Amino acid sequence: MNVIQSALCEKVRHLDARQDVDAKRINDLESQSRVKEQVICARNRELAALSTAVLEAEQSPKFEVNLPLAVLAEKA
C-alpha cells in the first residue's frame, strides 16, 4: 500500500510541477500577445493617418499625379 501511495504522491508532485510550467508559459504567451496587439493597433493608427493624408491630398486643388510618361501614354 505504501508503494502505491508513494507512486501516486510522486505523480501528483510531477503534475503540480508541470502545471506551474504550463501556467508560466501561458502567462508568457499572453504577455507576448498583448505586446503584438499594441503593435498592430499602432500600425492601424498609422495606416489610418496615412490614408487620411492621401484622401486630403487628393481633394486638395494642388493635388497632381506625377506619373511616368509611359503610363501617361498608355492612358491616352
N, C-alpha and C. Protein backbone atom coordinates (compact mmCIF):
# COMPACT_ATOMS: atom_id res chain seq x y z
N MET A 1 0.82 -1.19 0.00
CA MET A 1 0.00 0.00 0.00
C MET A 1 0.86 1.26 0.00
N ASN A 2 1.98 1.23 0.77
CA ASN A 2 2.86 2.40 0.83
C ASN A 2 3.51 2.67 -0.52
N VAL A 3 3.79 1.62 -1.25
CA VAL A 3 4.41 1.79 -2.57
C VAL A 3 3.45 2.52 -3.51
N ILE A 4 2.20 2.13 -3.49
CA ILE A 4 1.20 2.77 -4.35
C ILE A 4 1.01 4.21 -3.93
N GLN A 5 0.93 4.45 -2.63
CA GLN A 5 0.75 5.82 -2.12
C GLN A 5 1.95 6.69 -2.52
N SER A 6 3.14 6.18 -2.40
CA SER A 6 4.34 6.92 -2.77
C SER A 6 4.35 7.23 -4.27
N ALA A 7 3.96 6.25 -5.06
CA ALA A 7 3.92 6.46 -6.51
C ALA A 7 2.89 7.51 -6.89
N LEU A 8 1.73 7.46 -6.23
CA LEU A 8 0.70 8.45 -6.51
C LEU A 8 1.13 9.84 -6.06
N CYS A 9 1.78 9.94 -4.92
CA CYS A 9 2.28 11.24 -4.44
C CYS A 9 3.32 11.81 -5.41
N GLU A 10 4.19 10.95 -5.90
CA GLU A 10 5.20 11.40 -6.88
C GLU A 10 4.53 11.89 -8.16
N LYS A 11 3.51 11.17 -8.59
CA LYS A 11 2.78 11.57 -9.79
C LYS A 11 2.11 12.93 -9.58
N VAL A 12 1.52 13.15 -8.43
CA VAL A 12 0.88 14.44 -8.11
C VAL A 12 1.91 15.55 -8.10
N ARG A 13 3.08 15.30 -7.50
CA ARG A 13 4.15 16.31 -7.49
C ARG A 13 4.58 16.64 -8.92
N HIS A 14 4.70 15.62 -9.73
CA HIS A 14 5.07 15.82 -11.13
C HIS A 14 4.02 16.65 -11.87
N LEU A 15 2.76 16.32 -11.66
CA LEU A 15 1.67 17.06 -12.31
C LEU A 15 1.61 18.51 -11.82
N ASP A 16 1.84 18.72 -10.52
CA ASP A 16 1.87 20.09 -9.98
C ASP A 16 3.00 20.91 -10.61
N ALA A 17 4.16 20.30 -10.73
CA ALA A 17 5.30 20.98 -11.33
C ALA A 17 4.99 21.30 -12.80
N ARG A 18 4.40 20.35 -13.49
CA ARG A 18 4.04 20.56 -14.90
C ARG A 18 3.02 21.68 -15.04
N GLN A 19 2.07 21.72 -14.12
CA GLN A 19 1.05 22.77 -14.16
C GLN A 19 1.70 24.14 -13.96
N ASP A 20 2.67 24.24 -13.06
CA ASP A 20 3.37 25.50 -12.85
C ASP A 20 4.10 25.95 -14.11
N VAL A 21 4.78 25.01 -14.76
CA VAL A 21 5.50 25.33 -16.00
C VAL A 21 4.52 25.78 -17.08
N ASP A 22 3.41 25.05 -17.20
CA ASP A 22 2.41 25.39 -18.22
C ASP A 22 1.77 26.75 -17.92
N ALA A 23 1.49 27.03 -16.66
CA ALA A 23 0.89 28.31 -16.29
C ALA A 23 1.84 29.47 -16.62
N LYS A 24 3.13 29.27 -16.37
CA LYS A 24 4.11 30.30 -16.70
C LYS A 24 4.16 30.52 -18.21
N ARG A 25 4.12 29.44 -18.97
CA ARG A 25 4.15 29.54 -20.43
C ARG A 25 2.92 30.28 -20.94
N ILE A 26 1.76 29.99 -20.37
CA ILE A 26 0.53 30.67 -20.76
C ILE A 26 0.65 32.17 -20.46
N ASN A 27 1.17 32.51 -19.28
CA ASN A 27 1.35 33.92 -18.94
C ASN A 27 2.30 34.60 -19.91
N ASP A 28 3.39 33.92 -20.27
CA ASP A 28 4.35 34.49 -21.22
C ASP A 28 3.69 34.72 -22.58
N LEU A 29 2.92 33.76 -23.03
CA LEU A 29 2.24 33.89 -24.32
C LEU A 29 1.20 35.01 -24.30
N GLU A 30 0.50 35.14 -23.19
CA GLU A 30 -0.48 36.23 -23.07
C GLU A 30 0.22 37.58 -23.09
N SER A 31 1.36 37.68 -22.45
CA SER A 31 2.13 38.94 -22.47
C SER A 31 2.59 39.26 -23.88
N GLN A 32 3.11 38.26 -24.57
CA GLN A 32 3.55 38.47 -25.95
C GLN A 32 2.37 38.88 -26.84
N SER A 33 1.24 38.28 -26.60
CA SER A 33 0.04 38.60 -27.37
C SER A 33 -0.37 40.05 -27.16
N ARG A 34 -0.31 40.52 -25.91
CA ARG A 34 -0.66 41.92 -25.62
C ARG A 34 0.30 42.88 -26.32
N VAL A 35 1.57 42.55 -26.31
CA VAL A 35 2.56 43.40 -26.98
C VAL A 35 2.29 43.44 -28.48
N LYS A 36 2.03 42.28 -29.07
CA LYS A 36 1.75 42.22 -30.51
C LYS A 36 0.48 42.98 -30.85
N GLU A 37 -0.52 42.90 -29.97
CA GLU A 37 -1.77 43.62 -30.19
C GLU A 37 -1.52 45.13 -30.17
N GLN A 38 -0.66 45.59 -29.27
CA GLN A 38 -0.33 47.01 -29.22
C GLN A 38 0.38 47.46 -30.48
N VAL A 39 1.27 46.62 -30.99
CA VAL A 39 1.98 46.95 -32.24
C VAL A 39 0.98 47.03 -33.39
N ILE A 40 0.08 46.08 -33.46
CA ILE A 40 -0.93 46.09 -34.53
C ILE A 40 -1.79 47.33 -34.44
N CYS A 41 -2.21 47.70 -33.24
CA CYS A 41 -3.04 48.90 -33.07
C CYS A 41 -2.28 50.15 -33.49
N ALA A 42 -1.01 50.23 -33.14
CA ALA A 42 -0.19 51.38 -33.53
C ALA A 42 -0.07 51.45 -35.05
N ARG A 43 0.13 50.32 -35.69
CA ARG A 43 0.24 50.29 -37.15
C ARG A 43 -1.09 50.64 -37.80
N ASN A 44 -2.19 50.20 -37.21
CA ASN A 44 -3.50 50.55 -37.74
C ASN A 44 -3.74 52.05 -37.65
N ARG A 45 -3.32 52.66 -36.53
CA ARG A 45 -3.46 54.11 -36.39
C ARG A 45 -2.61 54.83 -37.43
N GLU A 46 -1.39 54.33 -37.64
CA GLU A 46 -0.50 54.93 -38.64
C GLU A 46 -1.10 54.80 -40.03
N LEU A 47 -1.65 53.64 -40.36
CA LEU A 47 -2.28 53.43 -41.65
C LEU A 47 -3.48 54.36 -41.83
N ALA A 48 -4.27 54.52 -40.79
CA ALA A 48 -5.43 55.41 -40.86
C ALA A 48 -4.98 56.85 -41.10
N ALA A 49 -3.93 57.27 -40.42
CA ALA A 49 -3.41 58.63 -40.61
C ALA A 49 -2.90 58.82 -42.03
N LEU A 50 -2.19 57.83 -42.55
CA LEU A 50 -1.69 57.92 -43.92
C LEU A 50 -2.83 57.93 -44.92
N SER A 51 -3.83 57.11 -44.70
CA SER A 51 -4.99 57.08 -45.59
C SER A 51 -5.70 58.42 -45.59
N THR A 52 -5.86 59.00 -44.42
CA THR A 52 -6.49 60.31 -44.31
C THR A 52 -5.67 61.36 -45.05
N ALA A 53 -4.36 61.30 -44.89
CA ALA A 53 -3.48 62.26 -45.57
C ALA A 53 -3.60 62.12 -47.08
N VAL A 54 -3.67 60.89 -47.57
CA VAL A 54 -3.81 60.67 -49.01
C VAL A 54 -5.14 61.23 -49.51
N LEU A 55 -6.22 60.94 -48.79
CA LEU A 55 -7.53 61.45 -49.19
C LEU A 55 -7.57 62.96 -49.19
N GLU A 56 -6.98 63.57 -48.17
CA GLU A 56 -6.94 65.03 -48.10
C GLU A 56 -6.10 65.60 -49.23
N ALA A 57 -5.01 64.94 -49.55
CA ALA A 57 -4.15 65.41 -50.65
C ALA A 57 -4.88 65.30 -51.98
N GLU A 58 -5.63 64.22 -52.17
CA GLU A 58 -6.37 64.05 -53.41
C GLU A 58 -7.44 65.12 -53.58
N GLN A 59 -8.00 65.58 -52.49
CA GLN A 59 -9.06 66.58 -52.54
C GLN A 59 -8.51 68.00 -52.64
N SER A 60 -7.24 68.14 -52.42
CA SER A 60 -6.61 69.45 -52.49
C SER A 60 -6.55 69.92 -53.94
N PRO A 61 -6.81 71.20 -54.18
CA PRO A 61 -6.75 71.70 -55.56
C PRO A 61 -5.32 71.63 -56.13
N LYS A 62 -4.32 71.54 -55.29
CA LYS A 62 -2.94 71.47 -55.75
C LYS A 62 -2.49 70.04 -56.01
N PHE A 63 -3.39 69.08 -55.80
CA PHE A 63 -3.02 67.67 -55.97
C PHE A 63 -2.78 67.38 -57.44
N GLU A 64 -1.67 66.76 -57.72
CA GLU A 64 -1.39 66.34 -59.08
C GLU A 64 -0.59 65.05 -59.04
N VAL A 65 -0.93 64.20 -59.95
CA VAL A 65 -0.25 62.91 -60.02
C VAL A 65 0.91 63.04 -60.97
N ASN A 66 2.08 62.68 -60.52
CA ASN A 66 3.27 62.70 -61.36
C ASN A 66 3.56 61.28 -61.84
N LEU A 67 2.93 60.92 -62.93
CA LEU A 67 3.13 59.58 -63.48
C LEU A 67 4.23 59.62 -64.52
N PRO A 68 4.94 58.52 -64.68
CA PRO A 68 5.95 58.44 -65.74
C PRO A 68 5.27 58.63 -67.11
N LEU A 69 6.00 59.14 -68.06
CA LEU A 69 5.45 59.41 -69.38
C LEU A 69 4.88 58.15 -70.03
N ALA A 70 5.47 57.02 -69.80
CA ALA A 70 4.97 55.78 -70.39
C ALA A 70 3.56 55.47 -69.89
N VAL A 71 3.30 55.74 -68.63
CA VAL A 71 1.97 55.48 -68.07
C VAL A 71 0.99 56.46 -68.64
N LEU A 72 1.39 57.72 -68.81
CA LEU A 72 0.50 58.72 -69.39
C LEU A 72 0.17 58.37 -70.84
N ALA A 73 1.15 57.87 -71.58
CA ALA A 73 0.94 57.49 -72.98
C ALA A 73 -0.05 56.33 -73.07
N GLU A 74 -0.01 55.42 -72.13
CA GLU A 74 -0.94 54.28 -72.14
C GLU A 74 -2.37 54.77 -71.92
N LYS A 75 -2.54 55.80 -71.12
CA LYS A 75 -3.88 56.29 -70.81
C LYS A 75 -4.46 57.12 -71.95
N ALA A 76 -3.62 57.61 -72.84
CA ALA A 76 -4.08 58.48 -73.92
C ALA A 76 -4.74 57.72 -75.04
